[in-house]
Amino acid sequence: QHQKIVVADNAVAFCGGMDLTRNRWDTPKHRSGDHRRVDPGGNPYGPFHDVQMAVDGAAAETLGELFRDRWRWATGEILPPQEPAEESPWPEGASWDLTQVRVAVSRTLPGYKARPQVREVERLYQDAIRATQRYIYMENQYLSSTAVMEALEESLRKPQGPEIVLVLPKTSSGWLEQSTMDPLRVRIFRRLNEADLQRRLRIYYPSLDREQGFLMVHAKIMVVDDRLVRVGSANLSNRSMGLDSECDLAVEARGDLR
């Protein structure tokens, strides 16, 4: 289970990379020594970068349906659809960036008993990369997905193609991930570098001040040509493409810049 969704009264829903656990809270400024950035025991922790998308309307109802499906698979109980609340529980003081837009939901679900496998997350990554004309921007915790690597490699080998910017943490967190995920990432770096004949690829990690060191990137974001943005739970890893449960939201401009 790797989806990160919260649904309130089928009226407002949250989806993104944020786990409901300790050491996740921060502000976009990632200030040094922020006294609010402490765990339940009062111990400070380092800056942490993550992104959630909040939606209402039909998008929130769709995520509510996803929750009911998961409940049915887990318990066998069928929950009746819930009518959205008359008064929206939209967070007080929160503003919105987009209105009257369609929101797509893409999922990863492993096949289990009678339930078929779902690989919508992987397909959307592949389709978006292949359709890009000018640039691709991605933030992610990992880079070990074979499918994403091959799509990026194909794009970089084109005589004319998009610029690609990847923002990743400098290293994975914990010795186990550093010994497993980071070597896979290095192999992909080498493959992409060999394919990057036109020098269109840039890979960065965010660095703060000397006291804080490097920012932990946990967000899962993709922006394509100012036309498509996706925010979700899926890492650029093989697990997120076919084994873990994942949920990403995507919005396409469709020619409307509002």
Protein backbone atom coordinates (compact mmCIF):
# COMPACT_ATOMS: atom_id res chain seq x y z
CA GLN A 1 0.00 0.00 0.00
CA HIS A 2 1.70 3.19 -1.19
CA GLN A 3 -1.24 5.40 -2.16
CA LYS A 4 -1.54 8.58 -0.13
CA ILE A 5 -5.13 9.82 -0.26
CA VAL A 6 -7.44 11.53 2.23
CA VAL A 7 -11.10 12.05 1.36
CA ALA A 8 -13.38 14.30 3.44
CA ASP A 9 -17.14 13.79 2.93
CA ASN A 10 -16.60 13.08 -0.78
CA ALA A 11 -16.27 16.86 -1.12
CA VAL A 12 -12.54 17.52 -0.70
CA ALA A 13 -9.68 15.09 -1.22
CA PHE A 14 -5.89 15.15 -0.95
CA CYS A 15 -3.46 13.12 -3.02
CA GLY A 16 0.31 13.31 -3.37
CA GLY A 17 3.51 12.11 -1.79
CA MET A 18 2.83 12.94 1.86
CA ASP A 19 2.85 10.02 4.29
CA LEU A 20 0.80 10.33 7.47
CA THR A 21 3.80 9.76 9.71
CA ARG A 22 6.45 11.67 11.61
CA ASN A 23 9.23 13.84 10.18
CA ARG A 24 7.17 15.00 7.20
CA TRP A 25 5.98 18.48 8.13
CA ASP A 26 7.77 21.49 6.67
CA THR A 27 7.10 24.78 4.90
CA PRO A 28 8.03 25.55 1.28
CA LYS A 29 10.84 27.77 2.55
CA HIS A 30 12.62 24.89 4.38
CA ARG A 31 14.05 27.38 6.86
CA SER A 32 17.10 26.51 8.89
CA GLY A 33 16.31 25.86 12.55
CA ASP A 34 12.51 26.12 12.19
CA HIS A 35 11.39 25.36 15.75
CA ARG A 36 8.13 23.81 14.48
CA ARG A 37 9.97 21.07 12.54
CA VAL A 38 10.15 18.50 15.35
CA ASP A 39 8.87 14.96 15.79
CA PRO A 40 6.27 13.98 18.45
CA GLY A 41 9.09 13.54 20.95
CA GLY A 42 10.27 17.11 20.41
CA ASN A 43 13.36 16.10 18.44
CA PRO A 44 14.25 18.30 15.45
CA TYR A 45 14.63 16.79 11.99
CA GLY A 46 15.94 18.05 8.67
CA PRO A 47 14.07 19.92 5.94
CA PHE A 48 11.66 17.79 3.93
CA HIS A 49 10.20 18.55 0.50
CA ASP A 50 6.87 17.05 -0.54
CA VAL A 51 3.81 18.06 -2.57
CA GLN A 52 0.11 17.29 -2.25
CA MET A 53 -2.78 18.28 -4.50
CA ALA A 54 -6.14 19.20 -2.95
CA VAL A 55 -9.22 18.77 -5.14
CA ASP A 56 -12.97 19.05 -4.80
CA GLY A 57 -15.99 18.32 -7.00
CA ALA A 58 -15.91 15.29 -9.28
CA ALA A 59 -12.22 14.63 -8.59
CA ALA A 60 -12.89 14.27 -4.85
CA GLU A 61 -15.84 11.98 -5.57
CA THR A 62 -13.64 9.80 -7.79
CA LEU A 63 -11.07 9.41 -5.01
CA GLY A 64 -13.95 8.53 -2.70
CA GLU A 65 -14.88 5.74 -5.12
CA LEU A 66 -11.27 4.55 -5.06
CA PHE A 67 -11.42 4.35 -1.28
CA ARG A 68 -14.66 2.35 -1.39
CA ASP A 69 -13.10 -0.08 -3.88
CA ARG A 70 -10.12 -0.61 -1.60
CA TRP A 71 -12.43 -1.12 1.39
CA ARG A 72 -14.40 -3.74 -0.54
CA TRP A 73 -11.23 -5.59 -1.57
CA ALA A 74 -9.94 -5.59 2.00
CA THR A 75 -13.14 -6.42 3.91
CA GLY A 76 -15.74 -7.68 1.43
CA GLU A 77 -18.07 -4.93 2.67
CA ILE A 78 -19.72 -2.67 0.09
CA LEU A 79 -20.05 0.90 1.35
CA PRO A 80 -22.88 2.95 -0.20
CA PRO A 81 -21.88 6.05 -2.20
CA GLN A 82 -21.91 9.18 -0.09
CA GLU A 83 -23.45 12.42 -1.24
CA PRO A 84 -21.00 15.33 -0.99
CA ALA A 85 -21.45 17.58 2.03
CA GLU A 86 -23.56 20.68 1.45
CA GLU A 87 -20.88 22.85 3.02
CA SER A 88 -17.45 22.19 1.56
CA PRO A 89 -14.78 21.25 4.13
CA TRP A 90 -12.17 23.01 1.98
CA PRO A 91 -9.37 24.08 4.38
CA GLU A 92 -9.97 27.54 5.79
CA GLY A 93 -7.54 30.07 4.39
CA ALA A 94 -6.36 27.79 1.58
CA SER A 95 -6.45 29.25 -1.93
CA TRP A 96 -6.85 27.44 -5.22
CA ASP A 97 -4.71 27.59 -8.35
CA LEU A 98 -7.06 26.06 -10.94
CA THR A 99 -10.83 26.14 -11.29
CA GLN A 100 -13.25 24.35 -13.61
CA VAL A 101 -10.64 21.84 -14.80
CA ARG A 102 -10.84 18.12 -15.37
CA VAL A 103 -8.59 16.01 -13.16
CA ALA A 104 -7.37 12.60 -14.32
CA VAL A 105 -6.67 9.80 -11.85
CA SER A 106 -4.02 7.21 -12.73
CA ARG A 107 -3.40 4.13 -10.62
CA THR A 108 -1.06 1.25 -10.08
CA LEU A 109 -2.61 -1.90 -8.63
CA PRO A 110 -0.99 -5.32 -8.57
CA GLY A 111 -3.02 -8.26 -9.81
CA TYR A 112 -4.51 -10.15 -6.88
CA LYS A 113 -6.87 -13.13 -7.07
CA ALA A 114 -9.72 -12.01 -9.39
CA ARG A 115 -8.54 -8.38 -9.51
CA PRO A 116 -6.61 -7.55 -12.72
CA GLN A 117 -3.36 -5.62 -12.67
CA VAL A 118 -3.57 -1.86 -13.34
CA ARG A 119 -0.54 0.01 -14.76
CA GLU A 120 -2.04 3.43 -15.57
CA VAL A 121 0.78 5.30 -13.77
CA GLU A 122 3.43 3.66 -15.96
CA ARG A 123 1.43 4.23 -19.16
CA LEU A 124 0.92 7.92 -18.40
CA TYR A 125 4.65 8.41 -17.77
CA GLN A 126 5.50 6.71 -21.05
CA ASP A 127 2.87 8.58 -23.07
CA ALA A 128 3.74 11.96 -21.54
CA ILE A 129 7.49 11.57 -22.17
CA ARG A 130 6.95 10.48 -25.77
CA ALA A 131 4.54 13.35 -26.46
CA THR A 132 6.81 16.05 -25.00
CA GLN A 133 8.09 18.64 -27.45
CA ARG A 134 9.95 21.27 -25.38
CA TYR A 135 10.75 20.20 -21.83
CA ILE A 136 10.17 17.67 -19.08
CA TYR A 137 10.56 18.57 -15.41
CA MET A 138 10.39 15.85 -12.75
CA GLU A 139 10.92 15.73 -9.00
CA ASN A 140 11.07 12.29 -7.41
CA GLN A 141 12.48 10.33 -4.52
CA TYR A 142 13.94 7.59 -6.73
CA LEU A 143 15.01 6.86 -10.28
CA SER A 144 15.07 3.12 -10.88
CA SER A 145 12.13 2.44 -13.21
CA THR A 146 13.11 0.56 -16.35
CA ALA A 147 10.03 1.79 -18.23
CA VAL A 148 10.70 5.46 -17.44
CA MET A 149 14.42 5.08 -18.20
CA GLU A 150 13.68 3.59 -21.63
CA ALA A 151 11.20 6.36 -22.46
CA LEU A 152 13.69 9.06 -21.43
CA GLU A 153 16.46 7.29 -23.31
CA GLU A 154 14.33 7.19 -26.46
CA SER A 155 13.62 10.92 -26.12
CA LEU A 156 17.28 11.82 -25.61
CA ARG A 157 18.38 9.89 -28.70
CA LYS A 158 16.20 12.01 -30.97
CA PRO A 159 18.17 14.57 -33.00
CA GLN A 160 15.68 17.19 -31.82
CA GLY A 161 13.75 16.74 -28.61
CA PRO A 162 12.87 18.24 -25.25
CA GLU A 163 15.17 19.40 -22.50
CA ILE A 164 14.87 17.14 -19.46
CA VAL A 165 15.42 18.23 -15.85
CA LEU A 166 15.36 15.70 -13.01
CA VAL A 167 15.44 16.80 -9.35
CA LEU A 168 16.29 14.02 -6.91
CA PRO A 169 17.69 13.74 -3.38
CA LYS A 170 21.48 13.54 -3.25
CA THR A 171 21.20 10.09 -1.66
CA SER A 172 18.39 7.85 -0.51
CA SER A 173 17.50 7.79 3.18
CA GLY A 174 18.80 4.90 5.26
CA TRP A 175 21.52 2.35 4.64
CA LEU A 176 19.22 -0.21 3.01
CA GLU A 177 17.92 2.15 0.33
CA GLN A 178 21.37 3.61 -0.21
CA SER A 179 22.75 0.13 -0.89
CA THR A 180 19.91 -0.93 -3.19
CA MET A 181 18.20 2.05 -4.84
CA ASP A 182 21.21 4.31 -5.31
CA PRO A 183 23.27 1.78 -7.34
CA LEU A 184 20.27 1.32 -9.64
CA ARG A 185 20.04 5.08 -10.02
CA VAL A 186 23.73 5.29 -10.98
CA ARG A 187 23.22 2.68 -13.71
CA ILE A 188 20.32 4.69 -15.12
CA PHE A 189 22.41 7.89 -14.97
CA ARG A 190 25.01 6.18 -17.12
CA ARG A 191 22.46 4.92 -19.63
CA LEU A 192 20.84 8.34 -19.95
CA ASN A 193 24.20 10.09 -20.21
CA GLU A 194 25.21 7.78 -23.08
CA ALA A 195 21.93 8.52 -24.86
CA ASP A 196 22.19 12.29 -24.30
CA LEU A 197 24.05 13.04 -27.53
CA GLN A 198 22.62 16.58 -27.79
CA ARG A 199 23.29 17.40 -24.09
CA ARG A 200 19.66 18.06 -23.21
CA LEU A 201 19.63 16.28 -19.84
CA ARG A 202 20.27 17.90 -16.45
CA ILE A 203 20.07 16.11 -13.08
CA TYR A 204 20.10 18.14 -9.85
CA TYR A 205 19.84 17.68 -6.11
CA PRO A 206 18.81 20.62 -3.88
CA SER A 207 21.40 21.91 -1.44
CA LEU A 208 20.56 24.24 1.45
CA ASP A 209 23.02 25.97 3.79
CA ARG A 210 26.00 24.34 5.48
CA GLU A 211 24.06 23.70 8.67
CA GLN A 212 21.15 21.89 7.00
CA GLY A 213 23.03 20.16 4.20
CA PHE A 214 20.90 18.66 1.46
CA LEU A 215 17.13 18.77 1.13
CA MET A 216 15.29 15.46 1.20
CA VAL A 217 13.12 15.29 -1.94
CA HIS A 218 10.04 13.12 -1.43
CA ALA A 219 7.73 14.85 -3.93
CA LYS A 220 6.51 13.06 -7.05
CA ILE A 221 5.92 15.76 -9.68
CA MET A 222 6.01 15.91 -13.45
CA VAL A 223 5.48 18.97 -15.67
CA VAL A 224 5.40 18.66 -19.46
CA ASP A 225 5.53 21.60 -21.89
CA ASP A 226 3.33 23.82 -19.68
CA ARG A 227 0.55 21.47 -20.84
CA LEU A 228 0.44 18.67 -18.30
CA VAL A 229 1.15 18.50 -14.59
CA ARG A 230 0.91 15.43 -12.41
CA VAL A 231 1.23 15.07 -8.65
CA GLY A 232 0.92 11.80 -6.82
CA SER A 233 2.36 8.97 -4.79
CA ALA A 234 4.21 7.06 -7.52
CA ASN A 235 7.99 6.93 -7.39
CA LEU A 236 10.07 6.46 -10.51
CA SER A 237 10.70 2.87 -9.45
CA ASN A 238 9.72 -0.55 -10.76
CA ARG A 239 7.67 -1.16 -7.62
CA SER A 240 5.53 1.91 -8.25
CA MET A 241 4.90 0.88 -11.84
CA GLY A 242 3.53 -2.58 -11.12
CA LEU A 243 3.75 -3.88 -7.56
CA ASP A 244 2.75 -1.16 -5.09
CA SER A 245 -0.64 0.52 -5.05
CA GLU A 246 -0.27 4.09 -6.35
CA CYS A 247 -2.47 7.06 -7.18
CA ASP A 248 -1.49 10.13 -9.21
CA LEU A 249 -3.56 13.14 -10.26
CA ALA A 250 -2.97 14.95 -13.55
CA VAL A 251 -4.30 18.13 -15.11
CA GLU A 252 -3.95 19.04 -18.79
CA ALA A 253 -4.08 22.67 -19.93
CA ARG A 254 -5.97 21.82 -23.17
CA GLY A 255 -5.20 25.31 -24.50
CA ASP A 256 -6.71 27.16 -21.53
CA LEU A 257 -4.10 29.09 -19.51
CA ARG A 258 -6.43 30.18 -16.69
